[in-house]
Amino acid sequence: MPANEGVFISVTRRMHPSICEFISNQIYEGRLTSHPSCAQQSTQFGTGLRWLEVHHANRSTESEEEANIVADQIALMLGSPWTDQFGTVAPLRAEDFMVVAPYNDQGAAPSRTSK
């Protein structure tokens, strides 16, 4: 972000370093770092981004196949313990997940798990 167009906060207190590094390199030219407290965030499934390959055809704005795979993965992790940046251990809730989708309509796409 150009200096004359706003304030850039270079340290995040929310993202685990494994996620922050990717976001920083892809979007912020490597200038965003994770606060050291974020490194203690953990789950039994690991931390960071996940790449889930899904095969489908003729999809232009949403993919039910992708929505189903993502919903299944989140359902698998729901209720399992995670440790936040303060060291507090709690069960994972749906609100603890963020899904980045390649299609604008994907966020509203129903999945078989949510029906």
N, C-alpha and C. Protein backbone atom coordinates (compact mmCIF):
# COMPACT_ATOMS: atom_id res chain seq x y z
N MET A 1 0.85 -1.17 0.00
CA MET A 1 0.00 0.00 0.00
C MET A 1 0.90 1.24 0.00
N PRO A 2 0.68 2.13 -0.92
CA PRO A 2 1.47 3.36 -0.93
C PRO A 2 1.25 4.15 0.35
N ALA A 3 2.29 4.78 0.84
CA ALA A 3 2.25 5.53 2.10
C ALA A 3 1.19 6.63 2.09
N ASN A 4 0.93 7.20 0.93
CA ASN A 4 -0.03 8.30 0.85
C ASN A 4 -1.48 7.83 0.74
N GLU A 5 -1.72 6.50 0.78
CA GLU A 5 -3.07 5.97 0.63
C GLU A 5 -3.58 5.26 1.88
N GLY A 6 -2.94 5.41 2.99
CA GLY A 6 -3.43 4.78 4.21
C GLY A 6 -2.30 4.35 5.12
N VAL A 7 -2.68 3.64 6.17
CA VAL A 7 -1.73 3.16 7.16
C VAL A 7 -1.57 1.66 6.99
N PHE A 8 -0.36 1.21 6.90
CA PHE A 8 -0.09 -0.22 6.81
C PHE A 8 0.41 -0.69 8.18
N ILE A 9 -0.32 -1.60 8.78
CA ILE A 9 0.09 -2.19 10.05
C ILE A 9 0.86 -3.46 9.71
N SER A 10 2.13 -3.48 10.00
CA SER A 10 3.01 -4.55 9.52
C SER A 10 3.04 -5.80 10.38
N VAL A 11 2.38 -5.77 11.54
CA VAL A 11 2.36 -6.94 12.43
C VAL A 11 0.91 -7.34 12.69
N THR A 12 0.60 -8.60 12.44
CA THR A 12 -0.73 -9.10 12.75
C THR A 12 -0.70 -9.89 14.05
N ARG A 13 -1.74 -9.79 14.81
CA ARG A 13 -1.85 -10.53 16.07
C ARG A 13 -2.89 -11.63 15.96
N ARG A 14 -3.26 -11.99 14.73
CA ARG A 14 -4.29 -13.01 14.53
C ARG A 14 -3.81 -14.20 13.73
N MET A 15 -2.89 -14.04 12.82
CA MET A 15 -2.51 -15.13 11.93
C MET A 15 -1.28 -15.88 12.41
N HIS A 16 -1.37 -17.20 12.37
CA HIS A 16 -0.22 -18.05 12.63
C HIS A 16 0.86 -17.70 11.61
N PRO A 17 2.12 -17.79 11.97
CA PRO A 17 3.19 -17.44 11.03
C PRO A 17 3.11 -18.21 9.70
N SER A 18 2.65 -19.46 9.73
CA SER A 18 2.58 -20.23 8.49
C SER A 18 1.55 -19.67 7.52
N ILE A 19 0.52 -19.05 8.02
CA ILE A 19 -0.47 -18.40 7.16
C ILE A 19 0.00 -17.00 6.80
N CYS A 20 0.49 -16.29 7.78
CA CYS A 20 0.95 -14.92 7.57
C CYS A 20 2.03 -14.83 6.49
N GLU A 21 2.95 -15.77 6.52
CA GLU A 21 4.04 -15.73 5.54
C GLU A 21 3.50 -15.80 4.11
N PHE A 22 2.54 -16.70 3.88
CA PHE A 22 1.95 -16.83 2.55
C PHE A 22 1.24 -15.54 2.15
N ILE A 23 0.37 -15.04 3.03
CA ILE A 23 -0.38 -13.81 2.75
C ILE A 23 0.57 -12.65 2.52
N SER A 24 1.58 -12.55 3.37
CA SER A 24 2.54 -11.46 3.26
C SER A 24 3.25 -11.47 1.91
N ASN A 25 3.70 -12.65 1.50
CA ASN A 25 4.42 -12.75 0.23
C ASN A 25 3.51 -12.54 -0.98
N GLN A 26 2.28 -13.02 -0.90
CA GLN A 26 1.37 -12.91 -2.04
C GLN A 26 0.76 -11.53 -2.20
N ILE A 27 0.52 -10.85 -1.08
CA ILE A 27 -0.24 -9.60 -1.14
C ILE A 27 0.56 -8.37 -0.71
N TYR A 28 1.45 -8.54 0.26
CA TYR A 28 2.11 -7.37 0.87
C TYR A 28 3.61 -7.30 0.64
N GLU A 29 4.08 -7.93 -0.40
CA GLU A 29 5.51 -7.87 -0.78
C GLU A 29 6.41 -8.28 0.38
N GLY A 30 5.95 -9.22 1.22
CA GLY A 30 6.75 -9.73 2.33
C GLY A 30 6.84 -8.80 3.53
N ARG A 31 6.03 -7.76 3.57
CA ARG A 31 6.14 -6.76 4.64
C ARG A 31 5.30 -7.06 5.88
N LEU A 32 4.39 -8.04 5.80
CA LEU A 32 3.53 -8.36 6.95
C LEU A 32 4.16 -9.49 7.75
N THR A 33 4.23 -9.32 9.06
CA THR A 33 4.76 -10.36 9.93
C THR A 33 3.73 -10.70 11.00
N SER A 34 3.91 -11.87 11.59
CA SER A 34 3.02 -12.34 12.64
C SER A 34 3.65 -12.05 14.00
N HIS A 35 2.84 -11.56 14.93
CA HIS A 35 3.33 -11.32 16.29
C HIS A 35 3.81 -12.65 16.86
N PRO A 36 4.89 -12.66 17.63
CA PRO A 36 5.43 -13.92 18.17
C PRO A 36 4.41 -14.77 18.93
N SER A 37 3.43 -14.14 19.57
CA SER A 37 2.43 -14.90 20.32
C SER A 37 1.59 -15.81 19.41
N CYS A 38 1.49 -15.47 18.15
CA CYS A 38 0.67 -16.26 17.22
C CYS A 38 1.31 -17.61 16.90
N ALA A 39 2.60 -17.75 17.14
CA ALA A 39 3.29 -19.00 16.82
C ALA A 39 2.81 -20.15 17.70
N GLN A 40 2.23 -19.88 18.86
CA GLN A 40 1.77 -20.97 19.71
C GLN A 40 0.38 -21.48 19.33
N GLN A 41 -0.27 -20.85 18.35
CA GLN A 41 -1.54 -21.38 17.86
C GLN A 41 -1.29 -22.75 17.26
N SER A 42 -2.17 -23.72 17.57
CA SER A 42 -1.98 -25.06 17.01
C SER A 42 -3.29 -25.84 17.04
N THR A 43 -3.33 -26.86 16.20
CA THR A 43 -4.43 -27.83 16.19
C THR A 43 -3.82 -29.21 15.99
N GLN A 44 -4.60 -30.24 16.23
CA GLN A 44 -4.09 -31.59 15.99
C GLN A 44 -3.95 -31.88 14.51
N PHE A 45 -4.48 -31.00 13.67
CA PHE A 45 -4.40 -31.14 12.22
C PHE A 45 -3.29 -30.26 11.62
N GLY A 46 -2.54 -29.58 12.48
CA GLY A 46 -1.51 -28.66 12.00
C GLY A 46 -2.08 -27.27 11.84
N THR A 47 -1.27 -26.39 11.29
CA THR A 47 -1.69 -25.00 11.05
C THR A 47 -1.41 -24.65 9.60
N GLY A 48 -1.94 -23.57 9.16
CA GLY A 48 -1.63 -23.09 7.83
C GLY A 48 -2.74 -23.35 6.82
N LEU A 49 -2.41 -23.07 5.60
CA LEU A 49 -3.36 -23.21 4.50
C LEU A 49 -3.45 -24.66 4.08
N ARG A 50 -4.56 -25.01 3.47
CA ARG A 50 -4.74 -26.35 2.94
C ARG A 50 -5.14 -26.24 1.48
N TRP A 51 -4.58 -27.09 0.68
CA TRP A 51 -4.94 -27.16 -0.74
C TRP A 51 -5.69 -28.45 -0.92
N LEU A 52 -6.95 -28.37 -1.32
CA LEU A 52 -7.78 -29.55 -1.52
C LEU A 52 -8.14 -29.63 -2.99
N GLU A 53 -7.59 -30.61 -3.68
CA GLU A 53 -7.85 -30.76 -5.11
C GLU A 53 -9.22 -31.39 -5.32
N VAL A 54 -10.03 -30.76 -6.16
CA VAL A 54 -11.37 -31.26 -6.47
C VAL A 54 -11.55 -31.22 -7.97
N HIS A 55 -12.03 -32.33 -8.53
CA HIS A 55 -12.27 -32.39 -9.97
C HIS A 55 -13.74 -32.12 -10.26
N HIS A 56 -13.96 -31.23 -11.24
CA HIS A 56 -15.32 -30.93 -11.67
C HIS A 56 -15.24 -30.33 -13.06
N ALA A 57 -16.38 -30.16 -13.69
CA ALA A 57 -16.41 -29.59 -15.04
C ALA A 57 -17.59 -28.64 -15.17
N ASN A 58 -17.45 -27.71 -16.09
CA ASN A 58 -18.52 -26.78 -16.44
C ASN A 58 -19.00 -25.94 -15.26
N ARG A 59 -18.09 -25.46 -14.46
CA ARG A 59 -18.42 -24.58 -13.34
C ARG A 59 -17.84 -23.21 -13.64
N SER A 60 -18.66 -22.18 -13.55
CA SER A 60 -18.14 -20.84 -13.84
C SER A 60 -18.23 -19.89 -12.65
N THR A 61 -19.19 -20.08 -11.75
CA THR A 61 -19.29 -19.17 -10.62
C THR A 61 -19.41 -19.88 -9.28
N GLU A 62 -19.60 -21.18 -9.26
CA GLU A 62 -19.64 -21.94 -8.02
C GLU A 62 -19.39 -23.42 -8.33
N SER A 63 -19.02 -24.16 -7.31
CA SER A 63 -18.76 -25.58 -7.47
C SER A 63 -19.29 -26.31 -6.24
N GLU A 64 -20.37 -27.04 -6.41
CA GLU A 64 -20.92 -27.83 -5.32
C GLU A 64 -19.91 -28.87 -4.84
N GLU A 65 -19.12 -29.40 -5.78
CA GLU A 65 -18.10 -30.39 -5.42
C GLU A 65 -17.08 -29.80 -4.45
N GLU A 66 -16.65 -28.58 -4.71
CA GLU A 66 -15.68 -27.93 -3.82
C GLU A 66 -16.32 -27.62 -2.47
N ALA A 67 -17.55 -27.12 -2.49
CA ALA A 67 -18.23 -26.80 -1.23
C ALA A 67 -18.37 -28.05 -0.36
N ASN A 68 -18.67 -29.19 -0.97
CA ASN A 68 -18.81 -30.43 -0.21
C ASN A 68 -17.49 -30.87 0.42
N ILE A 69 -16.41 -30.79 -0.33
CA ILE A 69 -15.10 -31.19 0.20
C ILE A 69 -14.70 -30.30 1.37
N VAL A 70 -14.88 -29.01 1.22
CA VAL A 70 -14.52 -28.07 2.29
C VAL A 70 -15.39 -28.30 3.52
N ALA A 71 -16.69 -28.47 3.32
CA ALA A 71 -17.59 -28.72 4.45
C ALA A 71 -17.21 -30.01 5.16
N ASP A 72 -16.86 -31.04 4.41
CA ASP A 72 -16.45 -32.31 5.02
C ASP A 72 -15.19 -32.14 5.86
N GLN A 73 -14.22 -31.39 5.35
CA GLN A 73 -12.96 -31.17 6.08
C GLN A 73 -13.21 -30.40 7.38
N ILE A 74 -14.04 -29.38 7.30
CA ILE A 74 -14.34 -28.60 8.51
C ILE A 74 -15.11 -29.45 9.51
N ALA A 75 -16.06 -30.23 9.04
CA ALA A 75 -16.83 -31.11 9.94
C ALA A 75 -15.90 -32.08 10.67
N LEU A 76 -14.88 -32.56 9.99
CA LEU A 76 -13.90 -33.46 10.59
C LEU A 76 -13.16 -32.79 11.74
N MET A 77 -12.88 -31.50 11.61
CA MET A 77 -12.10 -30.79 12.62
C MET A 77 -12.94 -30.17 13.74
N LEU A 78 -14.23 -29.95 13.50
CA LEU A 78 -15.08 -29.33 14.52
C LEU A 78 -15.03 -30.10 15.83
N GLY A 79 -14.90 -29.36 16.91
CA GLY A 79 -14.88 -29.96 18.23
C GLY A 79 -13.52 -30.44 18.70
N SER A 80 -12.55 -30.51 17.79
CA SER A 80 -11.20 -30.92 18.19
C SER A 80 -10.51 -29.74 18.88
N PRO A 81 -9.54 -30.01 19.75
CA PRO A 81 -8.91 -28.91 20.48
C PRO A 81 -7.98 -28.06 19.62
N TRP A 82 -7.97 -26.79 19.91
CA TRP A 82 -6.99 -25.89 19.31
C TRP A 82 -6.49 -24.95 20.39
N THR A 83 -5.29 -24.47 20.20
CA THR A 83 -4.67 -23.54 21.14
C THR A 83 -4.58 -22.18 20.48
N ASP A 84 -5.10 -21.14 21.15
CA ASP A 84 -5.03 -19.81 20.56
C ASP A 84 -3.71 -19.12 20.92
N GLN A 85 -3.56 -17.87 20.48
CA GLN A 85 -2.29 -17.16 20.67
C GLN A 85 -2.01 -16.82 22.13
N PHE A 86 -3.01 -17.01 23.00
CA PHE A 86 -2.81 -16.75 24.43
C PHE A 86 -2.54 -18.04 25.20
N GLY A 87 -2.55 -19.18 24.50
CA GLY A 87 -2.32 -20.47 25.14
C GLY A 87 -3.60 -21.13 25.64
N THR A 88 -4.75 -20.52 25.36
CA THR A 88 -6.03 -21.09 25.77
C THR A 88 -6.42 -22.22 24.83
N VAL A 89 -6.81 -23.35 25.39
CA VAL A 89 -7.24 -24.50 24.60
C VAL A 89 -8.76 -24.57 24.63
N ALA A 90 -9.37 -24.70 23.46
CA ALA A 90 -10.83 -24.77 23.34
C ALA A 90 -11.18 -25.61 22.11
N PRO A 91 -12.40 -26.13 22.07
CA PRO A 91 -12.81 -26.88 20.87
C PRO A 91 -13.00 -25.95 19.67
N LEU A 92 -12.62 -26.42 18.50
CA LEU A 92 -12.83 -25.63 17.28
C LEU A 92 -14.32 -25.50 17.00
N ARG A 93 -14.73 -24.27 16.64
CA ARG A 93 -16.11 -23.96 16.27
C ARG A 93 -16.12 -23.52 14.81
N ALA A 94 -17.27 -23.54 14.21
CA ALA A 94 -17.40 -23.11 12.82
C ALA A 94 -16.85 -21.70 12.63
N GLU A 95 -17.04 -20.82 13.62
CA GLU A 95 -16.58 -19.44 13.53
C GLU A 95 -15.05 -19.31 13.50
N ASP A 96 -14.35 -20.38 13.85
CA ASP A 96 -12.89 -20.35 13.89
C ASP A 96 -12.25 -20.58 12.52
N PHE A 97 -13.04 -20.91 11.51
CA PHE A 97 -12.52 -21.22 10.19
C PHE A 97 -12.73 -20.08 9.23
N MET A 98 -11.79 -19.95 8.28
CA MET A 98 -11.94 -19.02 7.18
C MET A 98 -11.69 -19.80 5.89
N VAL A 99 -12.61 -19.68 4.97
CA VAL A 99 -12.49 -20.37 3.69
C VAL A 99 -12.33 -19.33 2.60
N VAL A 100 -11.29 -19.47 1.80
CA VAL A 100 -11.05 -18.59 0.67
C VAL A 100 -11.45 -19.38 -0.57
N ALA A 101 -12.39 -18.85 -1.33
CA ALA A 101 -12.93 -19.57 -2.48
C ALA A 101 -12.59 -18.84 -3.78
N PRO A 102 -12.38 -19.60 -4.86
CA PRO A 102 -12.03 -18.99 -6.14
C PRO A 102 -13.20 -18.36 -6.88
N TYR A 103 -14.42 -18.65 -6.44
CA TYR A 103 -15.59 -18.12 -7.12
C TYR A 103 -16.34 -17.16 -6.21
N ASN A 104 -16.88 -16.07 -6.76
CA ASN A 104 -17.64 -15.11 -5.98
C ASN A 104 -18.86 -15.75 -5.32
N ASP A 105 -19.54 -16.64 -6.04
CA ASP A 105 -20.76 -17.25 -5.52
C ASP A 105 -20.50 -18.43 -4.58
N GLN A 106 -19.25 -18.84 -4.44
CA GLN A 106 -18.94 -20.04 -3.69
C GLN A 106 -19.32 -19.95 -2.21
N GLY A 107 -19.16 -18.79 -1.61
CA GLY A 107 -19.47 -18.65 -0.19
C GLY A 107 -20.89 -18.98 0.15
N ALA A 108 -21.81 -18.77 -0.77
CA ALA A 108 -23.22 -19.04 -0.51
C ALA A 108 -23.66 -20.40 -1.04
N ALA A 109 -22.74 -21.14 -1.66
CA ALA A 109 -23.09 -22.43 -2.24
C ALA A 109 -23.46 -23.43 -1.15
N PRO A 110 -24.58 -24.12 -1.30
CA PRO A 110 -24.93 -25.15 -0.32
C PRO A 110 -24.03 -26.36 -0.48
N SER A 111 -23.87 -27.11 0.59
CA SER A 111 -23.13 -28.36 0.50
C SER A 111 -23.98 -29.45 1.10
N ARG A 112 -23.68 -30.68 0.76
CA ARG A 112 -24.49 -31.79 1.28
C ARG A 112 -24.37 -31.87 2.80
N THR A 113 -23.24 -31.41 3.35
CA THR A 113 -23.03 -31.47 4.80
C THR A 113 -23.92 -30.45 5.51
N SER A 114 -24.19 -29.32 4.87
CA SER A 114 -24.96 -28.27 5.53
C SER A 114 -26.46 -28.43 5.34
N LYS A 115 -26.89 -29.41 4.56
CA LYS A 115 -28.33 -29.60 4.31
C LYS A 115 -28.96 -30.38 5.42
